[in-house]
Structures are given as C-alpha cells and as structure tokens.
Amino acid sequence: TNRNDILSLCDMELFKHTTHLSLAG
C-alpha cells in the first residue's frame, strides 16, 4: 500500500544484482 516498501529494498542495494524484474499486473 505504501511505495516506500519497495524503495526501502532498493536503498539497501539489493537490486544491484537484479537482471530480471517483473511488475506484471
């Protein structure tokens, strides 16, 4: 419900290894 949930994961630099991302639906 709060987009900060996803942004907080990004701020931890966890997505720097991500090669495939799905926001489908």
PDBML (XML) file of the C-alpha atoms, coordinates in Angstrom:
<?xml version="1.0" encoding="UTF-8" ?>
<PDBx:datablock datablockName="MODEL"
   xmlns:PDBx="http://pdbml.pdb.org/schema/pdbx-v50.xsd"
   xmlns:xsi="http://www.w3.org/2001/XMLSchema-instance"
   xsi:schemaLocation="http://pdbml.pdb.org/schema/pdbx-v50.xsd pdbx-v50.xsd">
   <PDBx:atom_siteCategory>
      <PDBx:atom_site id="1">
         <PDBx:B_iso_or_equiv>0.00</PDBx:B_iso_or_equiv>
         <PDBx:Cartn_x>0.000</PDBx:Cartn_x>
         <PDBx:Cartn_y>0.000</PDBx:Cartn_y>
         <PDBx:Cartn_z>0.000</PDBx:Cartn_z>
         <PDBx:auth_asym_id>A</PDBx:auth_asym_id>
         <PDBx:auth_atom_id>CA</PDBx:auth_atom_id>
         <PDBx:auth_comp_id>THR</PDBx:auth_comp_id>
         <PDBx:auth_seq_id>1</PDBx:auth_seq_id>
         <PDBx:group_PDB>ATOM</PDBx:group_PDB>
         <PDBx:label_alt_id xsi:nil="true" />
         <PDBx:label_asym_id>A</PDBx:label_asym_id>
         <PDBx:label_atom_id>CA</PDBx:label_atom_id>
         <PDBx:label_comp_id>THR</PDBx:label_comp_id>
         <PDBx:label_entity_id>1</PDBx:label_entity_id>
         <PDBx:label_seq_id>1</PDBx:label_seq_id>
         <PDBx:occupancy>1.00</PDBx:occupancy>
         <PDBx:pdbx_PDB_model_num>1</PDBx:pdbx_PDB_model_num>
         <PDBx:type_symbol>C</PDBx:type_symbol>
      </PDBx:atom_site>
      <PDBx:atom_site id="2">
         <PDBx:B_iso_or_equiv>0.00</PDBx:B_iso_or_equiv>
         <PDBx:Cartn_x>2.973</PDBx:Cartn_x>
         <PDBx:Cartn_y>2.273</PDBx:Cartn_y>
         <PDBx:Cartn_z>0.541</PDBx:Cartn_z>
         <PDBx:auth_asym_id>A</PDBx:auth_asym_id>
         <PDBx:auth_atom_id>CA</PDBx:auth_atom_id>
         <PDBx:auth_comp_id>ASN</PDBx:auth_comp_id>
         <PDBx:auth_seq_id>2</PDBx:auth_seq_id>
         <PDBx:group_PDB>ATOM</PDBx:group_PDB>
         <PDBx:label_alt_id xsi:nil="true" />
         <PDBx:label_asym_id>A</PDBx:label_asym_id>
         <PDBx:label_atom_id>CA</PDBx:label_atom_id>
         <PDBx:label_comp_id>ASN</PDBx:label_comp_id>
         <PDBx:label_entity_id>1</PDBx:label_entity_id>
         <PDBx:label_seq_id>2</PDBx:label_seq_id>
         <PDBx:occupancy>1.00</PDBx:occupancy>
         <PDBx:pdbx_PDB_model_num>1</PDBx:pdbx_PDB_model_num>
         <PDBx:type_symbol>C</PDBx:type_symbol>
      </PDBx:atom_site>
      <PDBx:atom_site id="3">
         <PDBx:B_iso_or_equiv>0.00</PDBx:B_iso_or_equiv>
         <PDBx:Cartn_x>5.521</PDBx:Cartn_x>
         <PDBx:Cartn_y>2.502</PDBx:Cartn_y>
         <PDBx:Cartn_z>-2.276</PDBx:Cartn_z>
         <PDBx:auth_asym_id>A</PDBx:auth_asym_id>
         <PDBx:auth_atom_id>CA</PDBx:auth_atom_id>
         <PDBx:auth_comp_id>ARG</PDBx:auth_comp_id>
         <PDBx:auth_seq_id>3</PDBx:auth_seq_id>
         <PDBx:group_PDB>ATOM</PDBx:group_PDB>
         <PDBx:label_alt_id xsi:nil="true" />
         <PDBx:label_asym_id>A</PDBx:label_asym_id>
         <PDBx:label_atom_id>CA</PDBx:label_atom_id>
         <PDBx:label_comp_id>ARG</PDBx:label_comp_id>
         <PDBx:label_entity_id>1</PDBx:label_entity_id>
         <PDBx:label_seq_id>3</PDBx:label_seq_id>
         <PDBx:occupancy>1.00</PDBx:occupancy>
         <PDBx:pdbx_PDB_model_num>1</PDBx:pdbx_PDB_model_num>
         <PDBx:type_symbol>C</PDBx:type_symbol>
      </PDBx:atom_site>
      <PDBx:atom_site id="4">
         <PDBx:B_iso_or_equiv>0.00</PDBx:B_iso_or_equiv>
         <PDBx:Cartn_x>8.241</PDBx:Cartn_x>
         <PDBx:Cartn_y>3.085</PDBx:Cartn_y>
         <PDBx:Cartn_z>0.355</PDBx:Cartn_z>
         <PDBx:auth_asym_id>A</PDBx:auth_asym_id>
         <PDBx:auth_atom_id>CA</PDBx:auth_atom_id>
         <PDBx:auth_comp_id>ASN</PDBx:auth_comp_id>
         <PDBx:auth_seq_id>4</PDBx:auth_seq_id>
         <PDBx:group_PDB>ATOM</PDBx:group_PDB>
         <PDBx:label_alt_id xsi:nil="true" />
         <PDBx:label_asym_id>A</PDBx:label_asym_id>
         <PDBx:label_atom_id>CA</PDBx:label_atom_id>
         <PDBx:label_comp_id>ASN</PDBx:label_comp_id>
         <PDBx:label_entity_id>1</PDBx:label_entity_id>
         <PDBx:label_seq_id>4</PDBx:label_seq_id>
         <PDBx:occupancy>1.00</PDBx:occupancy>
         <PDBx:pdbx_PDB_model_num>1</PDBx:pdbx_PDB_model_num>
         <PDBx:type_symbol>C</PDBx:type_symbol>
      </PDBx:atom_site>
      <PDBx:atom_site id="5">
         <PDBx:B_iso_or_equiv>0.00</PDBx:B_iso_or_equiv>
         <PDBx:Cartn_x>8.194</PDBx:Cartn_x>
         <PDBx:Cartn_y>-0.689</PDBx:Cartn_y>
         <PDBx:Cartn_z>0.923</PDBx:Cartn_z>
         <PDBx:auth_asym_id>A</PDBx:auth_asym_id>
         <PDBx:auth_atom_id>CA</PDBx:auth_atom_id>
         <PDBx:auth_comp_id>ASP</PDBx:auth_comp_id>
         <PDBx:auth_seq_id>5</PDBx:auth_seq_id>
         <PDBx:group_PDB>ATOM</PDBx:group_PDB>
         <PDBx:label_alt_id xsi:nil="true" />
         <PDBx:label_asym_id>A</PDBx:label_asym_id>
         <PDBx:label_atom_id>CA</PDBx:label_atom_id>
         <PDBx:label_comp_id>ASP</PDBx:label_comp_id>
         <PDBx:label_entity_id>1</PDBx:label_entity_id>
         <PDBx:label_seq_id>5</PDBx:label_seq_id>
         <PDBx:occupancy>1.00</PDBx:occupancy>
         <PDBx:pdbx_PDB_model_num>1</PDBx:pdbx_PDB_model_num>
         <PDBx:type_symbol>C</PDBx:type_symbol>
      </PDBx:atom_site>
      <PDBx:atom_site id="6">
         <PDBx:B_iso_or_equiv>0.00</PDBx:B_iso_or_equiv>
         <PDBx:Cartn_x>9.819</PDBx:Cartn_x>
         <PDBx:Cartn_y>-1.242</PDBx:Cartn_y>
         <PDBx:Cartn_z>-2.463</PDBx:Cartn_z>
         <PDBx:auth_asym_id>A</PDBx:auth_asym_id>
         <PDBx:auth_atom_id>CA</PDBx:auth_atom_id>
         <PDBx:auth_comp_id>ILE</PDBx:auth_comp_id>
         <PDBx:auth_seq_id>6</PDBx:auth_seq_id>
         <PDBx:group_PDB>ATOM</PDBx:group_PDB>
         <PDBx:label_alt_id xsi:nil="true" />
         <PDBx:label_asym_id>A</PDBx:label_asym_id>
         <PDBx:label_atom_id>CA</PDBx:label_atom_id>
         <PDBx:label_comp_id>ILE</PDBx:label_comp_id>
         <PDBx:label_entity_id>1</PDBx:label_entity_id>
         <PDBx:label_seq_id>6</PDBx:label_seq_id>
         <PDBx:occupancy>1.00</PDBx:occupancy>
         <PDBx:pdbx_PDB_model_num>1</PDBx:pdbx_PDB_model_num>
         <PDBx:type_symbol>C</PDBx:type_symbol>
      </PDBx:atom_site>
      <PDBx:atom_site id="7">
         <PDBx:B_iso_or_equiv>0.00</PDBx:B_iso_or_equiv>
         <PDBx:Cartn_x>12.003</PDBx:Cartn_x>
         <PDBx:Cartn_y>1.859</PDBx:Cartn_y>
         <PDBx:Cartn_z>-2.271</PDBx:Cartn_z>
         <PDBx:auth_asym_id>A</PDBx:auth_asym_id>
         <PDBx:auth_atom_id>CA</PDBx:auth_atom_id>
         <PDBx:auth_comp_id>LEU</PDBx:auth_comp_id>
         <PDBx:auth_seq_id>7</PDBx:auth_seq_id>
         <PDBx:group_PDB>ATOM</PDBx:group_PDB>
         <PDBx:label_alt_id xsi:nil="true" />
         <PDBx:label_asym_id>A</PDBx:label_asym_id>
         <PDBx:label_atom_id>CA</PDBx:label_atom_id>
         <PDBx:label_comp_id>LEU</PDBx:label_comp_id>
         <PDBx:label_entity_id>1</PDBx:label_entity_id>
         <PDBx:label_seq_id>7</PDBx:label_seq_id>
         <PDBx:occupancy>1.00</PDBx:occupancy>
         <PDBx:pdbx_PDB_model_num>1</PDBx:pdbx_PDB_model_num>
         <PDBx:type_symbol>C</PDBx:type_symbol>
      </PDBx:atom_site>
      <PDBx:atom_site id="8">
         <PDBx:B_iso_or_equiv>0.00</PDBx:B_iso_or_equiv>
         <PDBx:Cartn_x>13.461</PDBx:Cartn_x>
         <PDBx:Cartn_y>0.662</PDBx:Cartn_y>
         <PDBx:Cartn_z>1.048</PDBx:Cartn_z>
         <PDBx:auth_asym_id>A</PDBx:auth_asym_id>
         <PDBx:auth_atom_id>CA</PDBx:auth_atom_id>
         <PDBx:auth_comp_id>SER</PDBx:auth_comp_id>
         <PDBx:auth_seq_id>8</PDBx:auth_seq_id>
         <PDBx:group_PDB>ATOM</PDBx:group_PDB>
         <PDBx:label_alt_id xsi:nil="true" />
         <PDBx:label_asym_id>A</PDBx:label_asym_id>
         <PDBx:label_atom_id>CA</PDBx:label_atom_id>
         <PDBx:label_comp_id>SER</PDBx:label_comp_id>
         <PDBx:label_entity_id>1</PDBx:label_entity_id>
         <PDBx:label_seq_id>8</PDBx:label_seq_id>
         <PDBx:occupancy>1.00</PDBx:occupancy>
         <PDBx:pdbx_PDB_model_num>1</PDBx:pdbx_PDB_model_num>
         <PDBx:type_symbol>C</PDBx:type_symbol>
      </PDBx:atom_site>
      <PDBx:atom_site id="9">
         <PDBx:B_iso_or_equiv>0.00</PDBx:B_iso_or_equiv>
         <PDBx:Cartn_x>14.593</PDBx:Cartn_x>
         <PDBx:Cartn_y>-2.577</PDBx:Cartn_y>
         <PDBx:Cartn_z>-0.610</PDBx:Cartn_z>
         <PDBx:auth_asym_id>A</PDBx:auth_asym_id>
         <PDBx:auth_atom_id>CA</PDBx:auth_atom_id>
         <PDBx:auth_comp_id>LEU</PDBx:auth_comp_id>
         <PDBx:auth_seq_id>9</PDBx:auth_seq_id>
         <PDBx:group_PDB>ATOM</PDBx:group_PDB>
         <PDBx:label_alt_id xsi:nil="true" />
         <PDBx:label_asym_id>A</PDBx:label_asym_id>
         <PDBx:label_atom_id>CA</PDBx:label_atom_id>
         <PDBx:label_comp_id>LEU</PDBx:label_comp_id>
         <PDBx:label_entity_id>1</PDBx:label_entity_id>
         <PDBx:label_seq_id>9</PDBx:label_seq_id>
         <PDBx:occupancy>1.00</PDBx:occupancy>
         <PDBx:pdbx_PDB_model_num>1</PDBx:pdbx_PDB_model_num>
         <PDBx:type_symbol>C</PDBx:type_symbol>
      </PDBx:atom_site>
      <PDBx:atom_site id="10">
         <PDBx:B_iso_or_equiv>0.00</PDBx:B_iso_or_equiv>
         <PDBx:Cartn_x>16.205</PDBx:Cartn_x>
         <PDBx:Cartn_y>-0.558</PDBx:Cartn_y>
         <PDBx:Cartn_z>-3.400</PDBx:Cartn_z>
         <PDBx:auth_asym_id>A</PDBx:auth_asym_id>
         <PDBx:auth_atom_id>CA</PDBx:auth_atom_id>
         <PDBx:auth_comp_id>CYS</PDBx:auth_comp_id>
         <PDBx:auth_seq_id>10</PDBx:auth_seq_id>
         <PDBx:group_PDB>ATOM</PDBx:group_PDB>
         <PDBx:label_alt_id xsi:nil="true" />
         <PDBx:label_asym_id>A</PDBx:label_asym_id>
         <PDBx:label_atom_id>CA</PDBx:label_atom_id>
         <PDBx:label_comp_id>CYS</PDBx:label_comp_id>
         <PDBx:label_entity_id>1</PDBx:label_entity_id>
         <PDBx:label_seq_id>10</PDBx:label_seq_id>
         <PDBx:occupancy>1.00</PDBx:occupancy>
         <PDBx:pdbx_PDB_model_num>1</PDBx:pdbx_PDB_model_num>
         <PDBx:type_symbol>C</PDBx:type_symbol>
      </PDBx:atom_site>
      <PDBx:atom_site id="11">
         <PDBx:B_iso_or_equiv>0.00</PDBx:B_iso_or_equiv>
         <PDBx:Cartn_x>18.038</PDBx:Cartn_x>
         <PDBx:Cartn_y>1.648</PDBx:Cartn_y>
         <PDBx:Cartn_z>-0.888</PDBx:Cartn_z>
         <PDBx:auth_asym_id>A</PDBx:auth_asym_id>
         <PDBx:auth_atom_id>CA</PDBx:auth_atom_id>
         <PDBx:auth_comp_id>ASP</PDBx:auth_comp_id>
         <PDBx:auth_seq_id>11</PDBx:auth_seq_id>
         <PDBx:group_PDB>ATOM</PDBx:group_PDB>
         <PDBx:label_alt_id xsi:nil="true" />
         <PDBx:label_asym_id>A</PDBx:label_asym_id>
         <PDBx:label_atom_id>CA</PDBx:label_atom_id>
         <PDBx:label_comp_id>ASP</PDBx:label_comp_id>
         <PDBx:label_entity_id>1</PDBx:label_entity_id>
         <PDBx:label_seq_id>11</PDBx:label_seq_id>
         <PDBx:occupancy>1.00</PDBx:occupancy>
         <PDBx:pdbx_PDB_model_num>1</PDBx:pdbx_PDB_model_num>
         <PDBx:type_symbol>C</PDBx:type_symbol>
      </PDBx:atom_site>
      <PDBx:atom_site id="12">
         <PDBx:B_iso_or_equiv>0.00</PDBx:B_iso_or_equiv>
         <PDBx:Cartn_x>19.685</PDBx:Cartn_x>
         <PDBx:Cartn_y>-1.449</PDBx:Cartn_y>
         <PDBx:Cartn_z>0.610</PDBx:Cartn_z>
         <PDBx:auth_asym_id>A</PDBx:auth_asym_id>
         <PDBx:auth_atom_id>CA</PDBx:auth_atom_id>
         <PDBx:auth_comp_id>MET</PDBx:auth_comp_id>
         <PDBx:auth_seq_id>12</PDBx:auth_seq_id>
         <PDBx:group_PDB>ATOM</PDBx:group_PDB>
         <PDBx:label_alt_id xsi:nil="true" />
         <PDBx:label_asym_id>A</PDBx:label_asym_id>
         <PDBx:label_atom_id>CA</PDBx:label_atom_id>
         <PDBx:label_comp_id>MET</PDBx:label_comp_id>
         <PDBx:label_entity_id>1</PDBx:label_entity_id>
         <PDBx:label_seq_id>12</PDBx:label_seq_id>
         <PDBx:occupancy>1.00</PDBx:occupancy>
         <PDBx:pdbx_PDB_model_num>1</PDBx:pdbx_PDB_model_num>
         <PDBx:type_symbol>C</PDBx:type_symbol>
      </PDBx:atom_site>
      <PDBx:atom_site id="13">
         <PDBx:B_iso_or_equiv>0.00</PDBx:B_iso_or_equiv>
         <PDBx:Cartn_x>21.371</PDBx:Cartn_x>
         <PDBx:Cartn_y>-2.008</PDBx:Cartn_y>
         <PDBx:Cartn_z>-2.761</PDBx:Cartn_z>
         <PDBx:auth_asym_id>A</PDBx:auth_asym_id>
         <PDBx:auth_atom_id>CA</PDBx:auth_atom_id>
         <PDBx:auth_comp_id>GLU</PDBx:auth_comp_id>
         <PDBx:auth_seq_id>13</PDBx:auth_seq_id>
         <PDBx:group_PDB>ATOM</PDBx:group_PDB>
         <PDBx:label_alt_id xsi:nil="true" />
         <PDBx:label_asym_id>A</PDBx:label_asym_id>
         <PDBx:label_atom_id>CA</PDBx:label_atom_id>
         <PDBx:label_comp_id>GLU</PDBx:label_comp_id>
         <PDBx:label_entity_id>1</PDBx:label_entity_id>
         <PDBx:label_seq_id>13</PDBx:label_seq_id>
         <PDBx:occupancy>1.00</PDBx:occupancy>
         <PDBx:pdbx_PDB_model_num>1</PDBx:pdbx_PDB_model_num>
         <PDBx:type_symbol>C</PDBx:type_symbol>
      </PDBx:atom_site>
      <PDBx:atom_site id="14">
         <PDBx:B_iso_or_equiv>0.00</PDBx:B_iso_or_equiv>
         <PDBx:Cartn_x>19.765</PDBx:Cartn_x>
         <PDBx:Cartn_y>-5.453</PDBx:Cartn_y>
         <PDBx:Cartn_z>-3.025</PDBx:Cartn_z>
         <PDBx:auth_asym_id>A</PDBx:auth_asym_id>
         <PDBx:auth_atom_id>CA</PDBx:auth_atom_id>
         <PDBx:auth_comp_id>LEU</PDBx:auth_comp_id>
         <PDBx:auth_seq_id>14</PDBx:auth_seq_id>
         <PDBx:group_PDB>ATOM</PDBx:group_PDB>
         <PDBx:label_alt_id xsi:nil="true" />
         <PDBx:label_asym_id>A</PDBx:label_asym_id>
         <PDBx:label_atom_id>CA</PDBx:label_atom_id>
         <PDBx:label_comp_id>LEU</PDBx:label_comp_id>
         <PDBx:label_entity_id>1</PDBx:label_entity_id>
         <PDBx:label_seq_id>14</PDBx:label_seq_id>
         <PDBx:occupancy>1.00</PDBx:occupancy>
         <PDBx:pdbx_PDB_model_num>1</PDBx:pdbx_PDB_model_num>
         <PDBx:type_symbol>C</PDBx:type_symbol>
      </PDBx:atom_site>
      <PDBx:atom_site id="15">
         <PDBx:B_iso_or_equiv>0.00</PDBx:B_iso_or_equiv>
         <PDBx:Cartn_x>18.607</PDBx:Cartn_x>
         <PDBx:Cartn_y>-4.849</PDBx:Cartn_y>
         <PDBx:Cartn_z>-6.597</PDBx:Cartn_z>
         <PDBx:auth_asym_id>A</PDBx:auth_asym_id>
         <PDBx:auth_atom_id>CA</PDBx:auth_atom_id>
         <PDBx:auth_comp_id>PHE</PDBx:auth_comp_id>
         <PDBx:auth_seq_id>15</PDBx:auth_seq_id>
         <PDBx:group_PDB>ATOM</PDBx:group_PDB>
         <PDBx:label_alt_id xsi:nil="true" />
         <PDBx:label_asym_id>A</PDBx:label_asym_id>
         <PDBx:label_atom_id>CA</PDBx:label_atom_id>
         <PDBx:label_comp_id>PHE</PDBx:label_comp_id>
         <PDBx:label_entity_id>1</PDBx:label_entity_id>
         <PDBx:label_seq_id>15</PDBx:label_seq_id>
         <PDBx:occupancy>1.00</PDBx:occupancy>
         <PDBx:pdbx_PDB_model_num>1</PDBx:pdbx_PDB_model_num>
         <PDBx:type_symbol>C</PDBx:type_symbol>
      </PDBx:atom_site>
      <PDBx:atom_site id="16">
         <PDBx:B_iso_or_equiv>0.00</PDBx:B_iso_or_equiv>
         <PDBx:Cartn_x>22.066</PDBx:Cartn_x>
         <PDBx:Cartn_y>-4.115</PDBx:Cartn_y>
         <PDBx:Cartn_z>-7.932</PDBx:Cartn_z>
         <PDBx:auth_asym_id>A</PDBx:auth_asym_id>
         <PDBx:auth_atom_id>CA</PDBx:auth_atom_id>
         <PDBx:auth_comp_id>LYS</PDBx:auth_comp_id>
         <PDBx:auth_seq_id>16</PDBx:auth_seq_id>
         <PDBx:group_PDB>ATOM</PDBx:group_PDB>
         <PDBx:label_alt_id xsi:nil="true" />
         <PDBx:label_asym_id>A</PDBx:label_asym_id>
         <PDBx:label_atom_id>CA</PDBx:label_atom_id>
         <PDBx:label_comp_id>LYS</PDBx:label_comp_id>
         <PDBx:label_entity_id>1</PDBx:label_entity_id>
         <PDBx:label_seq_id>16</PDBx:label_seq_id>
         <PDBx:occupancy>1.00</PDBx:occupancy>
         <PDBx:pdbx_PDB_model_num>1</PDBx:pdbx_PDB_model_num>
         <PDBx:type_symbol>C</PDBx:type_symbol>
      </PDBx:atom_site>
      <PDBx:atom_site id="17">
         <PDBx:B_iso_or_equiv>0.00</PDBx:B_iso_or_equiv>
         <PDBx:Cartn_x>22.362</PDBx:Cartn_x>
         <PDBx:Cartn_y>-7.833</PDBx:Cartn_y>
         <PDBx:Cartn_z>-8.794</PDBx:Cartn_z>
         <PDBx:auth_asym_id>A</PDBx:auth_asym_id>
         <PDBx:auth_atom_id>CA</PDBx:auth_atom_id>
         <PDBx:auth_comp_id>HIS</PDBx:auth_comp_id>
         <PDBx:auth_seq_id>17</PDBx:auth_seq_id>
         <PDBx:group_PDB>ATOM</PDBx:group_PDB>
         <PDBx:label_alt_id xsi:nil="true" />
         <PDBx:label_asym_id>A</PDBx:label_asym_id>
         <PDBx:label_atom_id>CA</PDBx:label_atom_id>
         <PDBx:label_comp_id>HIS</PDBx:label_comp_id>
         <PDBx:label_entity_id>1</PDBx:label_entity_id>
         <PDBx:label_seq_id>17</PDBx:label_seq_id>
         <PDBx:occupancy>1.00</PDBx:occupancy>
         <PDBx:pdbx_PDB_model_num>1</PDBx:pdbx_PDB_model_num>
         <PDBx:type_symbol>C</PDBx:type_symbol>
      </PDBx:atom_site>
      <PDBx:atom_site id="18">
         <PDBx:B_iso_or_equiv>0.00</PDBx:B_iso_or_equiv>
         <PDBx:Cartn_x>18.910</PDBx:Cartn_x>
         <PDBx:Cartn_y>-7.988</PDBx:Cartn_y>
         <PDBx:Cartn_z>-10.443</PDBx:Cartn_z>
         <PDBx:auth_asym_id>A</PDBx:auth_asym_id>
         <PDBx:auth_atom_id>CA</PDBx:auth_atom_id>
         <PDBx:auth_comp_id>THR</PDBx:auth_comp_id>
         <PDBx:auth_seq_id>18</PDBx:auth_seq_id>
         <PDBx:group_PDB>ATOM</PDBx:group_PDB>
         <PDBx:label_alt_id xsi:nil="true" />
         <PDBx:label_asym_id>A</PDBx:label_asym_id>
         <PDBx:label_atom_id>CA</PDBx:label_atom_id>
         <PDBx:label_comp_id>THR</PDBx:label_comp_id>
         <PDBx:label_entity_id>1</PDBx:label_entity_id>
         <PDBx:label_seq_id>18</PDBx:label_seq_id>
         <PDBx:occupancy>1.00</PDBx:occupancy>
         <PDBx:pdbx_PDB_model_num>1</PDBx:pdbx_PDB_model_num>
         <PDBx:type_symbol>C</PDBx:type_symbol>
      </PDBx:atom_site>
      <PDBx:atom_site id="19">
         <PDBx:B_iso_or_equiv>0.00</PDBx:B_iso_or_equiv>
         <PDBx:Cartn_x>18.842</PDBx:Cartn_x>
         <PDBx:Cartn_y>-8.973</PDBx:Cartn_y>
         <PDBx:Cartn_z>-14.107</PDBx:Cartn_z>
         <PDBx:auth_asym_id>A</PDBx:auth_asym_id>
         <PDBx:auth_atom_id>CA</PDBx:auth_atom_id>
         <PDBx:auth_comp_id>THR</PDBx:auth_comp_id>
         <PDBx:auth_seq_id>19</PDBx:auth_seq_id>
         <PDBx:group_PDB>ATOM</PDBx:group_PDB>
         <PDBx:label_alt_id xsi:nil="true" />
         <PDBx:label_asym_id>A</PDBx:label_asym_id>
         <PDBx:label_atom_id>CA</PDBx:label_atom_id>
         <PDBx:label_comp_id>THR</PDBx:label_comp_id>
         <PDBx:label_entity_id>1</PDBx:label_entity_id>
         <PDBx:label_seq_id>19</PDBx:label_seq_id>
         <PDBx:occupancy>1.00</PDBx:occupancy>
         <PDBx:pdbx_PDB_model_num>1</PDBx:pdbx_PDB_model_num>
         <PDBx:type_symbol>C</PDBx:type_symbol>
      </PDBx:atom_site>
      <PDBx:atom_site id="20">
         <PDBx:B_iso_or_equiv>0.00</PDBx:B_iso_or_equiv>
         <PDBx:Cartn_x>15.104</PDBx:Cartn_x>
         <PDBx:Cartn_y>-9.715</PDBx:Cartn_y>
         <PDBx:Cartn_z>-14.492</PDBx:Cartn_z>
         <PDBx:auth_asym_id>A</PDBx:auth_asym_id>
         <PDBx:auth_atom_id>CA</PDBx:auth_atom_id>
         <PDBx:auth_comp_id>HIS</PDBx:auth_comp_id>
         <PDBx:auth_seq_id>20</PDBx:auth_seq_id>
         <PDBx:group_PDB>ATOM</PDBx:group_PDB>
         <PDBx:label_alt_id xsi:nil="true" />
         <PDBx:label_asym_id>A</PDBx:label_asym_id>
         <PDBx:label_atom_id>CA</PDBx:label_atom_id>
         <PDBx:label_comp_id>HIS</PDBx:label_comp_id>
         <PDBx:label_entity_id>1</PDBx:label_entity_id>
         <PDBx:label_seq_id>20</PDBx:label_seq_id>
         <PDBx:occupancy>1.00</PDBx:occupancy>
         <PDBx:pdbx_PDB_model_num>1</PDBx:pdbx_PDB_model_num>
         <PDBx:type_symbol>C</PDBx:type_symbol>
      </PDBx:atom_site>
      <PDBx:atom_site id="21">
         <PDBx:B_iso_or_equiv>0.00</PDBx:B_iso_or_equiv>
         <PDBx:Cartn_x>12.314</PDBx:Cartn_x>
         <PDBx:Cartn_y>-7.640</PDBx:Cartn_y>
         <PDBx:Cartn_z>-12.935</PDBx:Cartn_z>
         <PDBx:auth_asym_id>A</PDBx:auth_asym_id>
         <PDBx:auth_atom_id>CA</PDBx:auth_atom_id>
         <PDBx:auth_comp_id>LEU</PDBx:auth_comp_id>
         <PDBx:auth_seq_id>21</PDBx:auth_seq_id>
         <PDBx:group_PDB>ATOM</PDBx:group_PDB>
         <PDBx:label_alt_id xsi:nil="true" />
         <PDBx:label_asym_id>A</PDBx:label_asym_id>
         <PDBx:label_atom_id>CA</PDBx:label_atom_id>
         <PDBx:label_comp_id>LEU</PDBx:label_comp_id>
         <PDBx:label_entity_id>1</PDBx:label_entity_id>
         <PDBx:label_seq_id>21</PDBx:label_seq_id>
         <PDBx:occupancy>1.00</PDBx:occupancy>
         <PDBx:pdbx_PDB_model_num>1</PDBx:pdbx_PDB_model_num>
         <PDBx:type_symbol>C</PDBx:type_symbol>
      </PDBx:atom_site>
      <PDBx:atom_site id="22">
         <PDBx:B_iso_or_equiv>0.00</PDBx:B_iso_or_equiv>
         <PDBx:Cartn_x>8.548</PDBx:Cartn_x>
         <PDBx:Cartn_y>-8.210</PDBx:Cartn_y>
         <PDBx:Cartn_z>-13.135</PDBx:Cartn_z>
         <PDBx:auth_asym_id>A</PDBx:auth_asym_id>
         <PDBx:auth_atom_id>CA</PDBx:auth_atom_id>
         <PDBx:auth_comp_id>SER</PDBx:auth_comp_id>
         <PDBx:auth_seq_id>22</PDBx:auth_seq_id>
         <PDBx:group_PDB>ATOM</PDBx:group_PDB>
         <PDBx:label_alt_id xsi:nil="true" />
         <PDBx:label_asym_id>A</PDBx:label_asym_id>
         <PDBx:label_atom_id>CA</PDBx:label_atom_id>
         <PDBx:label_comp_id>SER</PDBx:label_comp_id>
         <PDBx:label_entity_id>1</PDBx:label_entity_id>
         <PDBx:label_seq_id>22</PDBx:label_seq_id>
         <PDBx:occupancy>1.00</PDBx:occupancy>
         <PDBx:pdbx_PDB_model_num>1</PDBx:pdbx_PDB_model_num>
         <PDBx:type_symbol>C</PDBx:type_symbol>
      </PDBx:atom_site>
      <PDBx:atom_site id="23">
         <PDBx:B_iso_or_equiv>0.00</PDBx:B_iso_or_equiv>
         <PDBx:Cartn_x>5.866</PDBx:Cartn_x>
         <PDBx:Cartn_y>-5.656</PDBx:Cartn_y>
         <PDBx:Cartn_z>-12.252</PDBx:Cartn_z>
         <PDBx:auth_asym_id>A</PDBx:auth_asym_id>
         <PDBx:auth_atom_id>CA</PDBx:auth_atom_id>
         <PDBx:auth_comp_id>LEU</PDBx:auth_comp_id>
         <PDBx:auth_seq_id>23</PDBx:auth_seq_id>
         <PDBx:group_PDB>ATOM</PDBx:group_PDB>
         <PDBx:label_alt_id xsi:nil="true" />
         <PDBx:label_asym_id>A</PDBx:label_asym_id>
         <PDBx:label_atom_id>CA</PDBx:label_atom_id>
         <PDBx:label_comp_id>LEU</PDBx:label_comp_id>
         <PDBx:label_entity_id>1</PDBx:label_entity_id>
         <PDBx:label_seq_id>23</PDBx:label_seq_id>
         <PDBx:occupancy>1.00</PDBx:occupancy>
         <PDBx:pdbx_PDB_model_num>1</PDBx:pdbx_PDB_model_num>
         <PDBx:type_symbol>C</PDBx:type_symbol>
      </PDBx:atom_site>
      <PDBx:atom_site id="24">
         <PDBx:B_iso_or_equiv>0.00</PDBx:B_iso_or_equiv>
         <PDBx:Cartn_x>3.193</PDBx:Cartn_x>
         <PDBx:Cartn_y>-7.511</PDBx:Cartn_y>
         <PDBx:Cartn_z>-14.230</PDBx:Cartn_z>
         <PDBx:auth_asym_id>A</PDBx:auth_asym_id>
         <PDBx:auth_atom_id>CA</PDBx:auth_atom_id>
         <PDBx:auth_comp_id>ALA</PDBx:auth_comp_id>
         <PDBx:auth_seq_id>24</PDBx:auth_seq_id>
         <PDBx:group_PDB>ATOM</PDBx:group_PDB>
         <PDBx:label_alt_id xsi:nil="true" />
         <PDBx:label_asym_id>A</PDBx:label_asym_id>
         <PDBx:label_atom_id>CA</PDBx:label_atom_id>
         <PDBx:label_comp_id>ALA</PDBx:label_comp_id>
         <PDBx:label_entity_id>1</PDBx:label_entity_id>
         <PDBx:label_seq_id>24</PDBx:label_seq_id>
         <PDBx:occupancy>1.00</PDBx:occupancy>
         <PDBx:pdbx_PDB_model_num>1</PDBx:pdbx_PDB_model_num>
         <PDBx:type_symbol>C</PDBx:type_symbol>
      </PDBx:atom_site>
      <PDBx:atom_site id="25">
         <PDBx:B_iso_or_equiv>0.00</PDBx:B_iso_or_equiv>
         <PDBx:Cartn_x>-0.393</PDBx:Cartn_x>
         <PDBx:Cartn_y>-6.814</PDBx:Cartn_y>
         <PDBx:Cartn_z>-13.246</PDBx:Cartn_z>
         <PDBx:auth_asym_id>A</PDBx:auth_asym_id>
         <PDBx:auth_atom_id>CA</PDBx:auth_atom_id>
         <PDBx:auth_comp_id>GLY</PDBx:auth_comp_id>
         <PDBx:auth_seq_id>25</PDBx:auth_seq_id>
         <PDBx:group_PDB>ATOM</PDBx:group_PDB>
         <PDBx:label_alt_id xsi:nil="true" />
         <PDBx:label_asym_id>A</PDBx:label_asym_id>
         <PDBx:label_atom_id>CA</PDBx:label_atom_id>
         <PDBx:label_comp_id>GLY</PDBx:label_comp_id>
         <PDBx:label_entity_id>1</PDBx:label_entity_id>
         <PDBx:label_seq_id>25</PDBx:label_seq_id>
         <PDBx:occupancy>1.00</PDBx:occupancy>
         <PDBx:pdbx_PDB_model_num>1</PDBx:pdbx_PDB_model_num>
         <PDBx:type_symbol>C</PDBx:type_symbol>
      </PDBx:atom_site>
   </PDBx:atom_siteCategory>
</PDBx:datablock>
